[in-house]
Amino acid sequence: MPGKSRHGRGKHHQQTKKSKAIQRQAITKAAPPIQNEIPAKATPAVAPPPPKAAEATTARYPYVAGELKRIGILAAIIIVVLIILSVIIS
């Protein structure tokens, strides 16, 4: 006879309504109030220079270089195996 269904029992913790409400309250309390006031003397803001391309990609995707290296090594191994098999078969 089967037991209870284990649907919903995974690796991730199921949050209750109470814990979700507590999280929402913590987020709304921590957020500063939005000010809709426009300053009387608006000075043109100087935009900071955009980050360099290498810095932006390194900061956003730190594992790309390692992943590309791994893909290249696997592709080289597969090509070598295919060449060896084609020599052996023919």
PDB file of N, CA and C in Angstrom:
ATOM      1  N   MET A   1       0.842  -1.177   0.000  1.00  0.00           N
ATOM      2  CA  MET A   1       0.000   0.000   0.000  1.00  0.00           C
ATOM      3  C   MET A   1       0.892   1.247   0.000  1.00  0.00           C
ATOM      4  N   PRO A   2       0.711   2.142  -0.946  1.00  0.00           N
ATOM      5  CA  PRO A   2       1.582   3.315  -1.027  1.00  0.00           C
ATOM      6  C   PRO A   2       1.352   4.272   0.138  1.00  0.00           C
ATOM      7  N   GLY A   3       2.425   4.949   0.505  1.00  0.00           N
ATOM      8  CA  GLY A   3       2.349   5.925   1.588  1.00  0.00           C
ATOM      9  C   GLY A   3       1.916   7.283   1.066  1.00  0.00           C
ATOM     10  N   LYS A   4       2.248   8.289   1.824  1.00  0.00           N
ATOM     11  CA  LYS A   4       1.901   9.655   1.423  1.00  0.00           C
ATOM     12  C   LYS A   4       2.689  10.068   0.183  1.00  0.00           C
ATOM     13  N   SER A   5       2.102  10.920  -0.569  1.00  0.00           N
ATOM     14  CA  SER A   5       2.790  11.453  -1.730  1.00  0.00           C
ATOM     15  C   SER A   5       3.931  12.346  -1.272  1.00  0.00           C
ATOM     16  N   ARG A   6       5.046  12.261  -1.955  1.00  0.00           N
ATOM     17  CA  ARG A   6       6.196  13.085  -1.586  1.00  0.00           C
ATOM     18  C   ARG A   6       6.325  14.296  -2.498  1.00  0.00           C
ATOM     19  N   HIS A   7       5.245  14.636  -3.146  1.00  0.00           N
ATOM     20  CA  HIS A   7       5.261  15.792  -4.026  1.00  0.00           C
ATOM     21  C   HIS A   7       5.560  17.053  -3.213  1.00  0.00           C
ATOM     22  N   GLY A   8       6.505  17.831  -3.651  1.00  0.00           N
ATOM     23  CA  GLY A   8       6.842  19.052  -2.933  1.00  0.00           C
ATOM     24  C   GLY A   8       8.000  18.854  -1.975  1.00  0.00           C
ATOM     25  N   ARG A   9       8.415  17.624  -1.758  1.00  0.00           N
ATOM     26  CA  ARG A   9       9.556  17.375  -0.886  1.00  0.00           C
ATOM     27  C   ARG A   9      10.785  17.222  -1.755  1.00  0.00           C
ATOM     28  N   GLY A  10      11.403  18.307  -2.066  1.00  0.00           N
ATOM     29  CA  GLY A  10      12.585  18.268  -2.901  1.00  0.00           C
ATOM     30  C   GLY A  10      13.773  18.818  -2.132  1.00  0.00           C
ATOM     31  N   LYS A  11      14.730  19.285  -2.866  1.00  0.00           N
ATOM     32  CA  LYS A  11      15.913  19.865  -2.246  1.00  0.00           C
ATOM     33  C   LYS A  11      15.608  21.228  -1.645  1.00  0.00           C
ATOM     34  N   HIS A  12      14.614  21.895  -2.194  1.00  0.00           N
ATOM     35  CA  HIS A  12      14.318  23.251  -1.763  1.00  0.00           C
ATOM     36  C   HIS A  12      13.268  23.237  -0.654  1.00  0.00           C
ATOM     37  N   HIS A  13      13.464  24.095   0.303  1.00  0.00           N
ATOM     38  CA  HIS A  13      12.549  24.200   1.427  1.00  0.00           C
ATOM     39  C   HIS A  13      11.261  24.886   0.981  1.00  0.00           C
ATOM     40  N   GLN A  14      10.140  24.333   1.362  1.00  0.00           N
ATOM     41  CA  GLN A  14       8.853  24.935   1.043  1.00  0.00           C
ATOM     42  C   GLN A  14       8.552  26.017   2.074  1.00  0.00           C
ATOM     43  N   GLN A  15       8.348  27.232   1.622  1.00  0.00           N
ATOM     44  CA  GLN A  15       8.062  28.320   2.539  1.00  0.00           C
ATOM     45  C   GLN A  15       6.574  28.361   2.845  1.00  0.00           C
ATOM     46  N   THR A  16       6.283  28.647   4.087  1.00  0.00           N
ATOM     47  CA  THR A  16       4.889  28.790   4.477  1.00  0.00           C
ATOM     48  C   THR A  16       4.439  30.214   4.200  1.00  0.00           C
ATOM     49  N   LYS A  17       3.142  30.447   4.266  1.00  0.00           N
ATOM     50  CA  LYS A  17       2.624  31.789   4.042  1.00  0.00           C
ATOM     51  C   LYS A  17       3.160  32.753   5.090  1.00  0.00           C
ATOM     52  N   LYS A  18       3.320  32.258   6.313  1.00  0.00           N
ATOM     53  CA  LYS A  18       3.799  33.107   7.398  1.00  0.00           C
ATOM     54  C   LYS A  18       5.237  33.560   7.136  1.00  0.00           C
ATOM     55  N   SER A  19       6.103  32.641   6.711  1.00  0.00           N
ATOM     56  CA  SER A  19       7.492  33.026   6.478  1.00  0.00           C
ATOM     57  C   SER A  19       7.612  33.953   5.269  1.00  0.00           C
ATOM     58  N   LYS A  20       6.764  33.756   4.265  1.00  0.00           N
ATOM     59  CA  LYS A  20       6.778  34.666   3.123  1.00  0.00           C
ATOM     60  C   LYS A  20       6.342  36.064   3.546  1.00  0.00           C
ATOM     61  N   ALA A  21       5.337  36.157   4.414  1.00  0.00           N
ATOM     62  CA  ALA A  21       4.864  37.453   4.894  1.00  0.00           C
ATOM     63  C   ALA A  21       5.956  38.146   5.704  1.00  0.00           C
ATOM     64  N   ILE A  22       6.689  37.397   6.497  1.00  0.00           N
ATOM     65  CA  ILE A  22       7.773  37.978   7.295  1.00  0.00           C
ATOM     66  C   ILE A  22       8.862  38.501   6.379  1.00  0.00           C
ATOM     67  N   GLN A  23       9.188  37.767   5.322  1.00  0.00           N
ATOM     68  CA  GLN A  23      10.192  38.236   4.372  1.00  0.00           C
ATOM     69  C   GLN A  23       9.747  39.521   3.682  1.00  0.00           C
ATOM     70  N   ARG A  24       8.479  39.586   3.273  1.00  0.00           N
ATOM     71  CA  ARG A  24       7.973  40.798   2.627  1.00  0.00           C
ATOM     72  C   ARG A  24       8.053  41.987   3.557  1.00  0.00           C
ATOM     73  N   GLN A  25       7.716  41.790   4.841  1.00  0.00           N
ATOM     74  CA  GLN A  25       7.781  42.885   5.807  1.00  0.00           C
ATOM     75  C   GLN A  25       9.211  43.361   5.983  1.00  0.00           C
ATOM     76  N   ALA A  26      10.161  42.436   6.031  1.00  0.00           N
ATOM     77  CA  ALA A  26      11.570  42.808   6.207  1.00  0.00           C
ATOM     78  C   ALA A  26      12.057  43.604   5.001  1.00  0.00           C
ATOM     79  N   ILE A  27      11.625  43.226   3.819  1.00  0.00           N
ATOM     80  CA  ILE A  27      12.054  43.927   2.605  1.00  0.00           C
ATOM     81  C   ILE A  27      11.457  45.325   2.565  1.00  0.00           C
ATOM     82  N   THR A  28      10.178  45.466   2.896  1.00  0.00           N
ATOM     83  CA  THR A  28       9.550  46.785   2.832  1.00  0.00           C
ATOM     84  C   THR A  28      10.078  47.701   3.926  1.00  0.00           C
ATOM     85  N   LYS A  29      10.438  47.161   5.088  1.00  0.00           N
ATOM     86  CA  LYS A  29      11.011  47.997   6.146  1.00  0.00           C
ATOM     87  C   LYS A  29      12.408  48.459   5.786  1.00  0.00           C
ATOM     88  N   ALA A  30      13.163  47.619   5.094  1.00  0.00           N
ATOM     89  CA  ALA A  30      14.542  47.953   4.760  1.00  0.00           C
ATOM     90  C   ALA A  30      14.634  48.947   3.602  1.00  0.00           C
ATOM     91  N   ALA A  31      13.627  49.005   2.746  1.00  0.00           N
ATOM     92  CA  ALA A  31      13.668  49.880   1.584  1.00  0.00           C
ATOM     93  C   ALA A  31      13.456  51.335   2.007  1.00  0.00           C
ATOM     94  N   PRO A  32      14.319  52.250   1.538  1.00  0.00           N
ATOM     95  CA  PRO A  32      14.132  53.654   1.869  1.00  0.00           C
ATOM     96  C   PRO A  32      12.928  54.227   1.130  1.00  0.00           C
ATOM     97  N   PRO A  33      12.286  55.251   1.678  1.00  0.00           N
ATOM     98  CA  PRO A  33      11.135  55.836   1.000  1.00  0.00           C
ATOM     99  C   PRO A  33      11.561  56.539  -0.289  1.00  0.00           C
ATOM    100  N   ILE A  34      10.701  56.496  -1.267  1.00  0.00           N
ATOM    101  CA  ILE A  34      10.985  57.112  -2.561  1.00  0.00           C
ATOM    102  C   ILE A  34      10.608  58.586  -2.492  1.00  0.00           C
ATOM    103  N   GLN A  35      11.553  59.437  -2.888  1.00  0.00           N
ATOM    104  CA  GLN A  35      11.293  60.865  -2.871  1.00  0.00           C
ATOM    105  C   GLN A  35      10.956  61.319  -4.285  1.00  0.00           C
ATOM    106  N   ASN A  36       9.822  61.978  -4.409  1.00  0.00           N
ATOM    107  CA  ASN A  36       9.384  62.448  -5.721  1.00  0.00           C
ATOM    108  C   ASN A  36       9.672  63.938  -5.919  1.00  0.00           C
ATOM    109  N   GLU A  37      10.465  64.511  -5.051  1.00  0.00           N
ATOM    110  CA  GLU A  37      10.750  65.941  -5.153  1.00  0.00           C
ATOM    111  C   GLU A  37      11.768  66.201  -6.249  1.00  0.00           C
ATOM    112  N   ILE A  38      11.530  67.278  -7.009  1.00  0.00           N
ATOM    113  CA  ILE A  38      12.468  67.697  -8.032  1.00  0.00           C
ATOM    114  C   ILE A  38      13.241  68.869  -7.458  1.00  0.00           C
ATOM    115  N   PRO A  39      14.580  68.808  -7.459  1.00  0.00           N
ATOM    116  CA  PRO A  39      15.342  69.923  -6.907  1.00  0.00           C
ATOM    117  C   PRO A  39      15.103  71.205  -7.704  1.00  0.00           C
ATOM    118  N   ALA A  40      15.120  72.336  -7.002  1.00  0.00           N
ATOM    119  CA  ALA A  40      14.847  73.618  -7.638  1.00  0.00           C
ATOM    120  C   ALA A  40      15.926  73.951  -8.661  1.00  0.00           C
ATOM    121  N   LYS A  41      17.166  73.718  -8.320  1.00  0.00           N
ATOM    122  CA  LYS A  41      18.269  73.994  -9.223  1.00  0.00           C
ATOM    123  C   LYS A  41      18.828  72.666  -9.699  1.00  0.00           C
ATOM    124  N   ALA A  42      18.416  72.250 -10.841  1.00  0.00           N
ATOM    125  CA  ALA A  42      18.890  70.978 -11.363  1.00  0.00           C
ATOM    126  C   ALA A  42      20.175  71.207 -12.141  1.00  0.00           C
ATOM    127  N   THR A  43      21.255  70.653 -11.650  1.00  0.00           N
ATOM    128  CA  THR A  43      22.521  70.762 -12.357  1.00  0.00           C
ATOM    129  C   THR A  43      22.687  69.520 -13.214  1.00  0.00           C
ATOM    130  N   PRO A  44      23.213  69.674 -14.406  1.00  0.00           N
ATOM    131  CA  PRO A  44      23.381  68.500 -15.257  1.00  0.00           C
ATOM    132  C   PRO A  44      24.381  67.538 -14.619  1.00  0.00           C
ATOM    133  N   ALA A  45      23.960  66.319 -14.438  1.00  0.00           N
ATOM    134  CA  ALA A  45      24.823  65.305 -13.830  1.00  0.00           C
ATOM    135  C   ALA A  45      25.763  64.751 -14.882  1.00  0.00           C
ATOM    136  N   VAL A  46      27.000  64.625 -14.499  1.00  0.00           N
ATOM    137  CA  VAL A  46      27.995  64.063 -15.401  1.00  0.00           C
ATOM    138  C   VAL A  46      27.977  62.551 -15.206  1.00  0.00           C
ATOM    139  N   ALA A  47      27.728  61.851 -16.268  1.00  0.00           N
ATOM    140  CA  ALA A  47      27.664  60.392 -16.188  1.00  0.00           C
ATOM    141  C   ALA A  47      29.065  59.824 -16.027  1.00  0.00           C
ATOM    142  N   PRO A  48      29.223  58.833 -15.164  1.00  0.00           N
ATOM    143  CA  PRO A  48      30.541  58.227 -15.023  1.00  0.00           C
ATOM    144  C   PRO A  48      30.906  57.468 -16.296  1.00  0.00           C
ATOM    145  N   PRO A  49      32.183  57.361 -16.583  1.00  0.00           N
ATOM    146  CA  PRO A  49      32.580  56.664 -17.813  1.00  0.00           C
ATOM    147  C   PRO A  49      32.177  55.196 -17.735  1.00  0.00           C
ATOM    148  N   PRO A  50      31.786  54.616 -18.870  1.00  0.00           N
ATOM    149  CA  PRO A  50      31.374  53.205 -18.857  1.00  0.00           C
ATOM    150  C   PRO A  50      32.566  52.323 -18.508  1.00  0.00           C
ATOM    151  N   PRO A  51      32.328  51.182 -17.865  1.00  0.00           N
ATOM    152  CA  PRO A  51      33.435  50.301 -17.520  1.00  0.00           C
ATOM    153  C   PRO A  51      34.069  49.719 -18.776  1.00  0.00           C
ATOM    154  N   LYS A  52      35.329  49.363 -18.662  1.00  0.00           N
ATOM    155  CA  LYS A  52      36.026  48.772 -19.795  1.00  0.00           C
ATOM    156  C   LYS A  52      35.392  47.430 -20.125  1.00  0.00           C
ATOM    157  N   ALA A  53      35.489  47.043 -21.379  1.00  0.00           N
ATOM    158  CA  ALA A  53      34.837  45.809 -21.837  1.00  0.00           C
ATOM    159  C   ALA A  53      35.369  44.589 -21.086  1.00  0.00           C
ATOM    160  N   ALA A  54      36.675  44.531 -20.860  1.00  0.00           N
ATOM    161  CA  ALA A  54      37.253  43.364 -20.183  1.00  0.00           C
ATOM    162  C   ALA A  54      36.765  43.292 -18.740  1.00  0.00           C
ATOM    163  N   GLU A  55      36.663  44.428 -18.073  1.00  0.00           N
ATOM    164  CA  GLU A  55      36.205  44.437 -16.684  1.00  0.00           C
ATOM    165  C   GLU A  55      34.747  44.022 -16.589  1.00  0.00           C
ATOM    166  N   ALA A  56      33.915  44.481 -17.529  1.00  0.00           N
ATOM    167  CA  ALA A  56      32.495  44.177 -17.481  1.00  0.00           C
ATOM    168  C   ALA A  56      32.247  42.686 -17.695  1.00  0.00           C
ATOM    169  N   THR A  57      32.934  42.081 -18.666  1.00  0.00           N
ATOM    170  CA  THR A  57      32.716  40.661 -18.914  1.00  0.00           C
ATOM    171  C   THR A  57      33.301  39.809 -17.799  1.00  0.00           C
ATOM    172  N   THR A  58      34.412  40.224 -17.231  1.00  0.00           N
ATOM    173  CA  THR A  58      35.008  39.450 -16.145  1.00  0.00           C
ATOM    174  C   THR A  58      34.123  39.510 -14.916  1.00  0.00           C
ATOM    175  N   ALA A  59      33.548  40.659 -14.653  1.00  0.00           N
ATOM    176  CA  ALA A  59      32.718  40.803 -13.466  1.00  0.00           C
ATOM    177  C   ALA A  59      31.406  40.035 -13.614  1.00  0.00           C
ATOM    178  N   ARG A  60      30.836  40.039 -14.791  1.00  0.00           N
ATOM    179  CA  ARG A  60      29.548  39.389 -14.982  1.00  0.00           C
ATOM    180  C   ARG A  60      29.666  37.884 -15.167  1.00  0.00           C
ATOM    181  N   TYR A  61      30.673  37.450 -15.928  1.00  0.00           N
ATOM    182  CA  TYR A  61      30.802  36.042 -16.284  1.00  0.00           C
ATOM    183  C   TYR A  61      32.192  35.533 -15.897  1.00  0.00           C
ATOM    184  N   PRO A  62      32.393  35.244 -14.633  1.00  0.00           N
ATOM    185  CA  PRO A  62      33.750  34.874 -14.205  1.00  0.00           C
ATOM    186  C   PRO A  62      34.184  33.487 -14.666  1.00  0.00           C
ATOM    187  N   TYR A  63      33.268  32.607 -15.059  1.00  0.00           N
ATOM    188  CA  TYR A  63      33.625  31.239 -15.393  1.00  0.00           C
ATOM    189  C   TYR A  63      33.679  30.964 -16.881  1.00  0.00           C
ATOM    190  N   VAL A  64      33.537  31.995 -17.711  1.00  0.00           N
ATOM    191  CA  VAL A  64      33.479  31.782 -19.152  1.00  0.00           C
ATOM    192  C   VAL A  64      34.791  31.233 -19.682  1.00  0.00           C
ATOM    193  N   ALA A  65      35.910  31.774 -19.238  1.00  0.00           N
ATOM    194  CA  ALA A  65      37.209  31.330 -19.753  1.00  0.00           C
ATOM    195  C   ALA A  65      37.443  29.860 -19.418  1.00  0.00           C
ATOM    196  N   GLY A  66      37.159  29.469 -18.203  1.00  0.00           N
ATOM    197  CA  GLY A  66      37.342  28.071 -17.810  1.00  0.00           C
ATOM    198  C   GLY A  66      36.427  27.136 -18.571  1.00  0.00           C
ATOM    199  N   GLU A  67      35.185  27.571 -18.784  1.00  0.00           N
ATOM    200  CA  GLU A  67      34.230  26.740 -19.522  1.00  0.00           C
ATOM    201  C   GLU A  67      34.659  26.593 -20.985  1.00  0.00           C
ATOM    202  N   LEU A  68      35.136  27.675 -21.600  1.00  0.00           N
ATOM    203  CA  LEU A  68      35.582  27.584 -22.987  1.00  0.00           C
ATOM    204  C   LEU A  68      36.793  26.669 -23.112  1.00  0.00           C
ATOM    205  N   LYS A  69      37.687  26.726 -22.135  1.00  0.00           N
ATOM    206  CA  LYS A  69      38.857  25.859 -22.141  1.00  0.00           C
ATOM    207  C   LYS A  69      38.419  24.392 -22.051  1.00  0.00           C
ATOM    208  N   ARG A  70      37.482  24.110 -21.167  1.00  0.00           N
ATOM    209  CA  ARG A  70      36.982  22.740 -21.006  1.00  0.00           C
ATOM    210  C   ARG A  70      36.299  22.254 -22.291  1.00  0.00           C
ATOM    211  N   ILE A  71      35.508  23.119 -22.915  1.00  0.00           N
ATOM    212  CA  ILE A  71      34.840  22.752 -24.167  1.00  0.00           C
ATOM    213  C   ILE A  71      35.860  22.479 -25.260  1.00  0.00           C
ATOM    214  N   GLY A  72      36.902  23.300 -25.338  1.00  0.00           N
ATOM    215  CA  GLY A  72      37.948  23.104 -26.344  1.00  0.00           C
ATOM    216  C   GLY A  72      38.685  21.788 -26.149  1.00  0.00           C
ATOM    217  N   ILE A  73      38.999  21.456 -24.894  1.00  0.00           N
ATOM    218  CA  ILE A  73      39.697  20.201 -24.612  1.00  0.00           C
ATOM    219  C   ILE A  73      38.822  19.010 -25.005  1.00  0.00           C
ATOM    220  N   LEU A  74      37.548  19.051 -24.632  1.00  0.00           N
ATOM    221  CA  LEU A  74      36.638  17.952 -24.991  1.00  0.00           C
ATOM    222  C   LEU A  74      36.477  17.831 -26.506  1.00  0.00           C
ATOM    223  N   ALA A  75      36.379  18.946 -27.202  1.00  0.00           N
ATOM    224  CA  ALA A  75      36.241  18.909 -28.659  1.00  0.00           C
ATOM    225  C   ALA A  75      37.499  18.304 -29.296  1.00  0.00           C
ATOM    226  N   ALA A  76      38.673  18.671 -28.789  1.00  0.00           N
ATOM    227  CA  ALA A  76      39.924  18.125 -29.323  1.00  0.00           C
ATOM    228  C   ALA A  76      39.996  16.616 -29.090  1.00  0.00           C
ATOM    229  N   ILE A  77      39.597  16.162 -27.903  1.00  0.00           N
ATOM    230  CA  ILE A  77      39.608  14.723 -27.611  1.00  0.00           C
ATOM    231  C   ILE A  77      38.664  13.978 -28.543  1.00  0.00           C
ATOM    232  N   ILE A  78      37.473  14.533 -28.763  1.00  0.00           N
ATOM    233  CA  ILE A  78      36.505  13.874 -29.645  1.00  0.00           C
ATOM    234  C   ILE A  78      37.037  13.799 -31.074  1.00  0.00           C
ATOM    235  N   ILE A  79      37.663  14.866 -31.548  1.00  0.00           N
ATOM    236  CA  ILE A  79      38.202  14.876 -32.909  1.00  0.00           C
ATOM    237  C   ILE A  79      39.318  13.841 -33.040  1.00  0.00           C
ATOM    238  N   VAL A  80      40.202  13.759 -32.043  1.00  0.00           N
ATOM    239  CA  VAL A  80      41.291  12.776 -32.082  1.00  0.00           C
ATOM    240  C   VAL A  80      40.723  11.355 -32.094  1.00  0.00           C
ATOM    241  N   VAL A  81      39.713  11.099 -31.267  1.00  0.00           N
ATOM    242  CA  VAL A  81      39.103   9.766 -31.242  1.00  0.00           C
ATOM    243  C   VAL A  81      38.467   9.447 -32.591  1.00  0.00           C
ATOM    244  N   LEU A  82      37.797  10.410 -33.206  1.00  0.00           N
ATOM    245  CA  LEU A  82      37.186  10.170 -34.516  1.00  0.00           C
ATOM    246  C   LEU A  82      38.245   9.885 -35.591  1.00  0.00           C
ATOM    247  N   ILE A  83      39.360  10.591 -35.546  1.00  0.00           N
ATOM    248  CA  ILE A  83      40.425  10.362 -36.517  1.00  0.00           C
ATOM    249  C   ILE A  83      41.004   8.964 -36.314  1.00  0.00           C
ATOM    250  N   ILE A  84      41.253   8.585 -35.067  1.00  0.00           N
ATOM    251  CA  ILE A  84      41.784   7.247 -34.785  1.00  0.00           C
ATOM    252  C   ILE A  84      40.811   6.166 -35.255  1.00  0.00           C
ATOM    253  N   LEU A  85      39.538   6.341 -34.988  1.00  0.00           N
ATOM    254  CA  LEU A  85      38.543   5.359 -35.426  1.00  0.00           C
ATOM    255  C   LEU A  85      38.456   5.281 -36.941  1.00  0.00           C
ATOM    256  N   SER A  86      38.562   6.417 -37.626  1.00  0.00           N
ATOM    257  CA  SER A  86      38.486   6.389 -39.084  1.00  0.00           C
ATOM    258  C   SER A  86      39.707   5.671 -39.673  1.00  0.00           C
ATOM    259  N   VAL A  87      40.881   5.801 -39.048  1.00  0.00           N
ATOM    260  CA  VAL A  87      42.082   5.109 -39.518  1.00  0.00           C
ATOM    261  C   VAL A  87      41.953   3.612 -39.275  1.00  0.00           C
ATOM    262  N   ILE A  88      41.440   3.241 -38.088  1.00  0.00           N
ATOM    263  CA  ILE A  88      41.309   1.821 -37.751  1.00  0.00           C
ATOM    264  C   ILE A  88      40.259   1.143 -38.635  1.00  0.00           C
ATOM    265  N   ILE A  89      39.135   1.782 -38.862  1.00  0.00           N
ATOM    266  CA  ILE A  89      38.043   1.175 -39.621  1.00  0.00           C
ATOM    267  C   ILE A  89      38.405   1.061 -41.105  1.00  0.00           C
ATOM    268  N   SER A  90      39.053   2.035 -41.683  1.00  0.00           N
ATOM    269  CA  SER A  90      39.328   2.000 -43.125  1.00  0.00           C
ATOM    270  C   SER A  90      40.600   1.275 -43.483  1.00  0.00           C
TER     271      SER A  90
END
